[in-house]
Amino acid sequence: MEFKTKGVCSSKIIVDLDGDTIKHVEFVGGCSGNTQGVARLAQGMKVQDAIARLEGIRCGVRPTSCPDQLAKALRQAAGIK
């Protein structure tokens, strides 16, 4: 599933789930080291656990961040409101 990001440097996030587990995450654009780190840490996690840890993280004065956008992507991919 591809998720178009809003308000961050990355332009999209590609998420692949295996049931309720995160199989693969790839950020397109953004701060390469940080987005690769977040993606690798998320792999293997339960979707709900990752959302709980990432949702609401801000980037400086921005109201969102790449991790927060990943939480939104995971919600969409898993069909969670």
PDB file of N, CA and C in Angstrom:
ATOM      1  N   MET A   1       0.842  -1.157   0.000  1.00  0.00           N
ATOM      2  CA  MET A   1       0.000   0.000   0.000  1.00  0.00           C
ATOM      3  C   MET A   1       0.900   1.237   0.000  1.00  0.00           C
ATOM      4  N   GLU A   2       0.545   2.211  -0.840  1.00  0.00           N
ATOM      5  CA  GLU A   2       1.286   3.470  -0.879  1.00  0.00           C
ATOM      6  C   GLU A   2       0.467   4.550  -0.192  1.00  0.00           C
ATOM      7  N   PHE A   3       1.133   5.322   0.667  1.00  0.00           N
ATOM      8  CA  PHE A   3       0.501   6.400   1.413  1.00  0.00           C
ATOM      9  C   PHE A   3       1.196   7.699   1.070  1.00  0.00           C
ATOM     10  N   LYS A   4       0.444   8.679   0.550  1.00  0.00           N
ATOM     11  CA  LYS A   4       1.008  10.005   0.256  1.00  0.00           C
ATOM     12  C   LYS A   4       1.067  10.795   1.554  1.00  0.00           C
ATOM     13  N   THR A   5       2.270  11.241   1.910  1.00  0.00           N
ATOM     14  CA  THR A   5       2.456  11.974   3.161  1.00  0.00           C
ATOM     15  C   THR A   5       2.042  13.431   3.011  1.00  0.00           C
ATOM     16  N   LYS A   6       1.803  14.073   4.148  1.00  0.00           N
ATOM     17  CA  LYS A   6       1.451  15.494   4.183  1.00  0.00           C
ATOM     18  C   LYS A   6       2.242  16.177   5.285  1.00  0.00           C
ATOM     19  N   GLY A   7       2.875  17.312   4.950  1.00  0.00           N
ATOM     20  CA  GLY A   7       3.542  18.134   5.951  1.00  0.00           C
ATOM     21  C   GLY A   7       4.920  17.678   6.374  1.00  0.00           C
ATOM     22  N   VAL A   8       5.523  16.735   5.615  1.00  0.00           N
ATOM     23  CA  VAL A   8       6.866  16.256   5.954  1.00  0.00           C
ATOM     24  C   VAL A   8       7.743  16.220   4.707  1.00  0.00           C
ATOM     25  N   CYS A   9       9.015  15.953   4.894  1.00  0.00           N
ATOM     26  CA  CYS A   9       9.961  15.933   3.768  1.00  0.00           C
ATOM     27  C   CYS A   9       9.791  14.715   2.868  1.00  0.00           C
ATOM     28  N   SER A  10       9.408  13.575   3.425  1.00  0.00           N
ATOM     29  CA  SER A  10       9.192  12.397   2.573  1.00  0.00           C
ATOM     30  C   SER A  10       7.909  12.594   1.775  1.00  0.00           C
ATOM     31  N   SER A  11       7.861  12.017   0.576  1.00  0.00           N
ATOM     32  CA  SER A  11       6.695  12.219  -0.284  1.00  0.00           C
ATOM     33  C   SER A  11       5.680  11.090  -0.182  1.00  0.00           C
ATOM     34  N   LYS A  12       6.160   9.886   0.162  1.00  0.00           N
ATOM     35  CA  LYS A  12       5.226   8.779   0.356  1.00  0.00           C
ATOM     36  C   LYS A  12       5.876   7.692   1.192  1.00  0.00           C
ATOM     37  N   ILE A  13       5.017   6.814   1.716  1.00  0.00           N
ATOM     38  CA  ILE A  13       5.464   5.675   2.503  1.00  0.00           C
ATOM     39  C   ILE A  13       4.819   4.433   1.898  1.00  0.00           C
ATOM     40  N   ILE A  14       5.634   3.417   1.667  1.00  0.00           N
ATOM     41  CA  ILE A  14       5.137   2.143   1.152  1.00  0.00           C
ATOM     42  C   ILE A  14       5.124   1.163   2.324  1.00  0.00           C
ATOM     43  N   VAL A  15       3.948   0.592   2.583  1.00  0.00           N
ATOM     44  CA  VAL A  15       3.770  -0.306   3.729  1.00  0.00           C
ATOM     45  C   VAL A  15       3.267  -1.655   3.239  1.00  0.00           C
ATOM     46  N   ASP A  16       3.862  -2.717   3.755  1.00  0.00           N
ATOM     47  CA  ASP A  16       3.415  -4.078   3.457  1.00  0.00           C
ATOM     48  C   ASP A  16       3.155  -4.776   4.785  1.00  0.00           C
ATOM     49  N   LEU A  17       1.918  -5.223   4.984  1.00  0.00           N
ATOM     50  CA  LEU A  17       1.537  -5.910   6.212  1.00  0.00           C
ATOM     51  C   LEU A  17       1.362  -7.397   5.963  1.00  0.00           C
ATOM     52  N   ASP A  18       1.575  -8.169   6.997  1.00  0.00           N
ATOM     53  CA  ASP A  18       1.266  -9.593   7.004  1.00  0.00           C
ATOM     54  C   ASP A  18       0.288  -9.785   8.158  1.00  0.00           C
ATOM     55  N   GLY A  19      -1.005  -9.681   7.842  1.00  0.00           N
ATOM     56  CA  GLY A  19      -2.019  -9.700   8.896  1.00  0.00           C
ATOM     57  C   GLY A  19      -1.905  -8.435   9.729  1.00  0.00           C
ATOM     58  N   ASP A  20      -1.660  -8.582  11.033  1.00  0.00           N
ATOM     59  CA  ASP A  20      -1.526  -7.416  11.915  1.00  0.00           C
ATOM     60  C   ASP A  20      -0.064  -7.118  12.252  1.00  0.00           C
ATOM     61  N   THR A  21       0.853  -7.650  11.432  1.00  0.00           N
ATOM     62  CA  THR A  21       2.285  -7.438  11.638  1.00  0.00           C
ATOM     63  C   THR A  21       2.869  -6.667  10.460  1.00  0.00           C
ATOM     64  N   ILE A  22       3.762  -5.741  10.756  1.00  0.00           N
ATOM     65  CA  ILE A  22       4.413  -4.941   9.717  1.00  0.00           C
ATOM     66  C   ILE A  22       5.519  -5.788   9.083  1.00  0.00           C
ATOM     67  N   LYS A  23       5.380  -6.034   7.798  1.00  0.00           N
ATOM     68  CA  LYS A  23       6.345  -6.855   7.062  1.00  0.00           C
ATOM     69  C   LYS A  23       7.471  -5.997   6.492  1.00  0.00           C
ATOM     70  N   HIS A  24       7.114  -4.840   5.904  1.00  0.00           N
ATOM     71  CA  HIS A  24       8.110  -3.979   5.257  1.00  0.00           C
ATOM     72  C   HIS A  24       7.607  -2.543   5.232  1.00  0.00           C
ATOM     73  N   VAL A  25       8.514  -1.597   5.431  1.00  0.00           N
ATOM     74  CA  VAL A  25       8.216  -0.162   5.332  1.00  0.00           C
ATOM     75  C   VAL A  25       9.315   0.492   4.514  1.00  0.00           C
ATOM     76  N   GLU A  26       8.912   1.367   3.603  1.00  0.00           N
ATOM     77  CA  GLU A  26       9.885   2.130   2.814  1.00  0.00           C
ATOM     78  C   GLU A  26       9.397   3.567   2.687  1.00  0.00           C
ATOM     79  N   PHE A  27      10.250   4.506   3.077  1.00  0.00           N
ATOM     80  CA  PHE A  27       9.960   5.929   2.906  1.00  0.00           C
ATOM     81  C   PHE A  27      10.580   6.382   1.595  1.00  0.00           C
ATOM     82  N   VAL A  28       9.889   7.237   0.847  1.00  0.00           N
ATOM     83  CA  VAL A  28      10.429   7.845  -0.359  1.00  0.00           C
ATOM     84  C   VAL A  28      10.711   9.300  -0.020  1.00  0.00           C
ATOM     85  N   GLY A  29      11.980   9.665  -0.054  1.00  0.00           N
ATOM     86  CA  GLY A  29      12.386  11.008   0.330  1.00  0.00           C
ATOM     87  C   GLY A  29      12.559  11.116   1.835  1.00  0.00           C
ATOM     88  N   GLY A  30      12.781  12.324   2.295  1.00  0.00           N
ATOM     89  CA  GLY A  30      12.985  12.549   3.722  1.00  0.00           C
ATOM     90  C   GLY A  30      14.438  12.373   4.111  1.00  0.00           C
ATOM     91  N   CYS A  31      14.696  12.412   5.405  1.00  0.00           N
ATOM     92  CA  CYS A  31      16.048  12.252   5.950  1.00  0.00           C
ATOM     93  C   CYS A  31      16.389  10.770   5.925  1.00  0.00           C
ATOM     94  N   SER A  32      17.217  10.378   4.988  1.00  0.00           N
ATOM     95  CA  SER A  32      17.470   8.968   4.693  1.00  0.00           C
ATOM     96  C   SER A  32      17.812   8.122   5.913  1.00  0.00           C
ATOM     97  N   GLY A  33      18.751   8.561   6.717  1.00  0.00           N
ATOM     98  CA  GLY A  33      19.151   7.770   7.884  1.00  0.00           C
ATOM     99  C   GLY A  33      18.015   7.586   8.869  1.00  0.00           C
ATOM    100  N   ASN A  34      17.303   8.670   9.139  1.00  0.00           N
ATOM    101  CA  ASN A  34      16.195   8.596  10.099  1.00  0.00           C
ATOM    102  C   ASN A  34      15.052   7.730   9.579  1.00  0.00           C
ATOM    103  N   THR A  35      14.679   7.921   8.320  1.00  0.00           N
ATOM    104  CA  THR A  35      13.550   7.152   7.794  1.00  0.00           C
ATOM    105  C   THR A  35      13.904   5.670   7.659  1.00  0.00           C
ATOM    106  N   GLN A  36      15.154   5.369   7.301  1.00  0.00           N
ATOM    107  CA  GLN A  36      15.577   3.966   7.245  1.00  0.00           C
ATOM    108  C   GLN A  36      15.541   3.342   8.631  1.00  0.00           C
ATOM    109  N   GLY A  37      15.973   4.100   9.628  1.00  0.00           N
ATOM    110  CA  GLY A  37      15.965   3.600  11.004  1.00  0.00           C
ATOM    111  C   GLY A  37      14.558   3.323  11.500  1.00  0.00           C
ATOM    112  N   VAL A  38      13.646   4.272  11.275  1.00  0.00           N
ATOM    113  CA  VAL A  38      12.255   4.090  11.690  1.00  0.00           C
ATOM    114  C   VAL A  38      11.650   2.893  10.967  1.00  0.00           C
ATOM    115  N   ALA A  39      11.912   2.774   9.670  1.00  0.00           N
ATOM    116  CA  ALA A  39      11.366   1.664   8.883  1.00  0.00           C
ATOM    117  C   ALA A  39      11.847   0.319   9.413  1.00  0.00           C
ATOM    118  N   ARG A  40      13.126   0.216   9.700  1.00  0.00           N
ATOM    119  CA  ARG A  40      13.666  -1.060  10.192  1.00  0.00           C
ATOM    120  C   ARG A  40      13.157  -1.387  11.590  1.00  0.00           C
ATOM    121  N   LEU A  41      13.030  -0.379  12.430  1.00  0.00           N
ATOM    122  CA  LEU A  41      12.510  -0.621  13.775  1.00  0.00           C
ATOM    123  C   LEU A  41      11.061  -1.085  13.737  1.00  0.00           C
ATOM    124  N   ALA A  42      10.297  -0.573  12.786  1.00  0.00           N
ATOM    125  CA  ALA A  42       8.873  -0.921  12.691  1.00  0.00           C
ATOM    126  C   ALA A  42       8.660  -2.342  12.171  1.00  0.00           C
ATOM    127  N   GLN A  43       9.574  -2.834  11.334  1.00  0.00           N
ATOM    128  CA  GLN A  43       9.421  -4.175  10.769  1.00  0.00           C
ATOM    129  C   GLN A  43       9.327  -5.213  11.870  1.00  0.00           C
ATOM    130  N   GLY A  44       8.328  -6.082  11.750  1.00  0.00           N
ATOM    131  CA  GLY A  44       8.130  -7.137  12.729  1.00  0.00           C
ATOM    132  C   GLY A  44       7.226  -6.753  13.888  1.00  0.00           C
ATOM    133  N   MET A  45       6.918  -5.459  14.013  1.00  0.00           N
ATOM    134  CA  MET A  45       6.040  -5.002  15.094  1.00  0.00           C
ATOM    135  C   MET A  45       4.578  -5.237  14.735  1.00  0.00           C
ATOM    136  N   LYS A  46       3.760  -5.349  15.745  1.00  0.00           N
ATOM    137  CA  LYS A  46       2.319  -5.370  15.559  1.00  0.00           C
ATOM    138  C   LYS A  46       1.890  -3.956  15.178  1.00  0.00           C
ATOM    139  N   VAL A  47       0.940  -3.841  14.263  1.00  0.00           N
ATOM    140  CA  VAL A  47       0.482  -2.546  13.765  1.00  0.00           C
ATOM    141  C   VAL A  47       0.044  -1.643  14.914  1.00  0.00           C
ATOM    142  N   GLN A  48      -0.773  -2.149  15.818  1.00  0.00           N
ATOM    143  CA  GLN A  48      -1.294  -1.334  16.935  1.00  0.00           C
ATOM    144  C   GLN A  48      -0.165  -0.832  17.829  1.00  0.00           C
ATOM    145  N   ASP A  49       0.845  -1.661  18.075  1.00  0.00           N
ATOM    146  CA  ASP A  49       1.974  -1.247  18.912  1.00  0.00           C
ATOM    147  C   ASP A  49       2.763  -0.116  18.254  1.00  0.00           C
ATOM    148  N   ALA A  50       2.998  -0.240  16.943  1.00  0.00           N
ATOM    149  CA  ALA A  50       3.738   0.797  16.220  1.00  0.00           C
ATOM    150  C   ALA A  50       2.952   2.106  16.217  1.00  0.00           C
ATOM    151  N   ILE A  51       1.653   2.023  15.977  1.00  0.00           N
ATOM    152  CA  ILE A  51       0.819   3.235  15.987  1.00  0.00           C
ATOM    153  C   ILE A  51       0.900   3.911  17.343  1.00  0.00           C
ATOM    154  N   ALA A  52       0.789   3.130  18.413  1.00  0.00           N
ATOM    155  CA  ALA A  52       0.825   3.690  19.771  1.00  0.00           C
ATOM    156  C   ALA A  52       2.145   4.398  20.058  1.00  0.00           C
ATOM    157  N   ARG A  53       3.240   3.897  19.517  1.00  0.00           N
ATOM    158  CA  ARG A  53       4.556   4.503  19.765  1.00  0.00           C
ATOM    159  C   ARG A  53       4.845   5.709  18.876  1.00  0.00           C
ATOM    160  N   LEU A  54       4.312   5.710  17.658  1.00  0.00           N
ATOM    161  CA  LEU A  54       4.693   6.731  16.674  1.00  0.00           C
ATOM    162  C   LEU A  54       3.721   7.890  16.548  1.00  0.00           C
ATOM    163  N   GLU A  55       2.454   7.639  16.809  1.00  0.00           N
ATOM    164  CA  GLU A  55       1.421   8.653  16.607  1.00  0.00           C
ATOM    165  C   GLU A  55       1.655   9.869  17.498  1.00  0.00           C
ATOM    166  N   GLY A  56       1.563  11.040  16.895  1.00  0.00           N
ATOM    167  CA  GLY A  56       1.682  12.286  17.654  1.00  0.00           C
ATOM    168  C   GLY A  56       3.084  12.856  17.742  1.00  0.00           C
ATOM    169  N   ILE A  57       4.092  12.143  17.222  1.00  0.00           N
ATOM    170  CA  ILE A  57       5.453  12.683  17.226  1.00  0.00           C
ATOM    171  C   ILE A  57       5.508  13.862  16.265  1.00  0.00           C
ATOM    172  N   ARG A  58       6.114  14.940  16.724  1.00  0.00           N
ATOM    173  CA  ARG A  58       6.222  16.147  15.901  1.00  0.00           C
ATOM    174  C   ARG A  58       7.656  16.323  15.432  1.00  0.00           C
ATOM    175  N   CYS A  59       7.824  17.048  14.335  1.00  0.00           N
ATOM    176  CA  CYS A  59       9.143  17.394  13.813  1.00  0.00           C
ATOM    177  C   CYS A  59       9.321  18.894  13.998  1.00  0.00           C
ATOM    178  N   GLY A  60      10.045  19.277  15.041  1.00  0.00           N
ATOM    179  CA  GLY A  60      10.213  20.696  15.338  1.00  0.00           C
ATOM    180  C   GLY A  60       8.868  21.349  15.605  1.00  0.00           C
ATOM    181  N   VAL A  61       8.577  22.423  14.876  1.00  0.00           N
ATOM    182  CA  VAL A  61       7.306  23.129  15.067  1.00  0.00           C
ATOM    183  C   VAL A  61       6.198  22.565  14.182  1.00  0.00           C
ATOM    184  N   ARG A  62       6.528  21.625  13.318  1.00  0.00           N
ATOM    185  CA  ARG A  62       5.509  21.014  12.452  1.00  0.00           C
ATOM    186  C   ARG A  62       4.554  20.174  13.306  1.00  0.00           C
ATOM    187  N   PRO A  63       3.295  20.127  12.922  1.00  0.00           N
ATOM    188  CA  PRO A  63       2.328  19.351  13.704  1.00  0.00           C
ATOM    189  C   PRO A  63       2.413  17.844  13.454  1.00  0.00           C
ATOM    190  N   THR A  64       3.319  17.404  12.584  1.00  0.00           N
ATOM    191  CA  THR A  64       3.471  15.995  12.248  1.00  0.00           C
ATOM    192  C   THR A  64       4.945  15.693  12.024  1.00  0.00           C
ATOM    193  N   SER A  65       5.255  14.449  11.708  1.00  0.00           N
ATOM    194  CA  SER A  65       6.630  14.003  11.440  1.00  0.00           C
ATOM    195  C   SER A  65       6.551  12.760  10.574  1.00  0.00           C
ATOM    196  N   CYS A  66       7.688  12.282  10.106  1.00  0.00           N
ATOM    197  CA  CYS A  66       7.677  11.039   9.331  1.00  0.00           C
ATOM    198  C   CYS A  66       7.167   9.860  10.165  1.00  0.00           C
ATOM    199  N   PRO A  67       7.579   9.716  11.440  1.00  0.00           N
ATOM    200  CA  PRO A  67       6.999   8.637  12.244  1.00  0.00           C
ATOM    201  C   PRO A  67       5.486   8.787  12.423  1.00  0.00           C
ATOM    202  N   ASP A  68       5.002  10.001  12.627  1.00  0.00           N
ATOM    203  CA  ASP A  68       3.558  10.236  12.759  1.00  0.00           C
ATOM    204  C   ASP A  68       2.841   9.889  11.457  1.00  0.00           C
ATOM    205  N   GLN A  69       3.442  10.222  10.333  1.00  0.00           N
ATOM    206  CA  GLN A  69       2.853   9.884   9.041  1.00  0.00           C
ATOM    207  C   GLN A  69       2.845   8.373   8.836  1.00  0.00           C
ATOM    208  N   LEU A  70       3.862   7.675   9.350  1.00  0.00           N
ATOM    209  CA  LEU A  70       3.869   6.217   9.278  1.00  0.00           C
ATOM    210  C   LEU A  70       2.693   5.653  10.081  1.00  0.00           C
ATOM    211  N   ALA A  71       2.425   6.228  11.238  1.00  0.00           N
ATOM    212  CA  ALA A  71       1.269   5.784  12.034  1.00  0.00           C
ATOM    213  C   ALA A  71      -0.014   5.954  11.232  1.00  0.00           C
ATOM    214  N   LYS A  72      -0.153   7.068  10.522  1.00  0.00           N
ATOM    215  CA  LYS A  72      -1.339   7.298   9.686  1.00  0.00           C
ATOM    216  C   LYS A  72      -1.397   6.283   8.536  1.00  0.00           C
ATOM    217  N   ALA A  73      -0.251   5.995   7.934  1.00  0.00           N
ATOM    218  CA  ALA A  73      -0.194   5.006   6.857  1.00  0.00           C
ATOM    219  C   ALA A  73      -0.598   3.628   7.372  1.00  0.00           C
ATOM    220  N   LEU A  74      -0.133   3.282   8.560  1.00  0.00           N
ATOM    221  CA  LEU A  74      -0.477   1.981   9.147  1.00  0.00           C
ATOM    222  C   LEU A  74      -1.964   1.888   9.445  1.00  0.00           C
ATOM    223  N   ARG A  75      -2.535   2.977   9.946  1.00  0.00           N
ATOM    224  CA  ARG A  75      -3.989   3.002  10.193  1.00  0.00           C
ATOM    225  C   ARG A  75      -4.749   2.727   8.890  1.00  0.00           C
ATOM    226  N   GLN A  76      -4.327   3.404   7.821  1.00  0.00           N
ATOM    227  CA  GLN A  76      -4.985   3.231   6.529  1.00  0.00           C
ATOM    228  C   GLN A  76      -4.802   1.814   6.008  1.00  0.00           C
ATOM    229  N   ALA A  77      -3.586   1.300   6.071  1.00  0.00           N
ATOM    230  CA  ALA A  77      -3.301  -0.039   5.557  1.00  0.00           C
ATOM    231  C   ALA A  77      -4.081  -1.124   6.304  1.00  0.00           C
ATOM    232  N   ALA A  78      -4.246  -0.924   7.619  1.00  0.00           N
ATOM    233  CA  ALA A  78      -4.935  -1.917   8.442  1.00  0.00           C
ATOM    234  C   ALA A  78      -6.441  -1.675   8.528  1.00  0.00           C
ATOM    235  N   GLY A  79      -6.905  -0.567   7.938  1.00  0.00           N
ATOM    236  CA  GLY A  79      -8.330  -0.250   7.990  1.00  0.00           C
ATOM    237  C   GLY A  79      -8.799   0.198   9.352  1.00  0.00           C
ATOM    238  N   ILE A  80      -7.898   0.871  10.098  1.00  0.00           N
ATOM    239  CA  ILE A  80      -8.212   1.366  11.445  1.00  0.00           C
ATOM    240  C   ILE A  80      -8.547   2.847  11.345  1.00  0.00           C
ATOM    241  N   LYS A  81      -9.651   3.258  11.931  1.00  0.00           N
ATOM    242  CA  LYS A  81     -10.047   4.682  11.918  1.00  0.00           C
ATOM    243  C   LYS A  81      -9.301   5.469  12.956  1.00  0.00           C
TER     244      LYS A  81
END
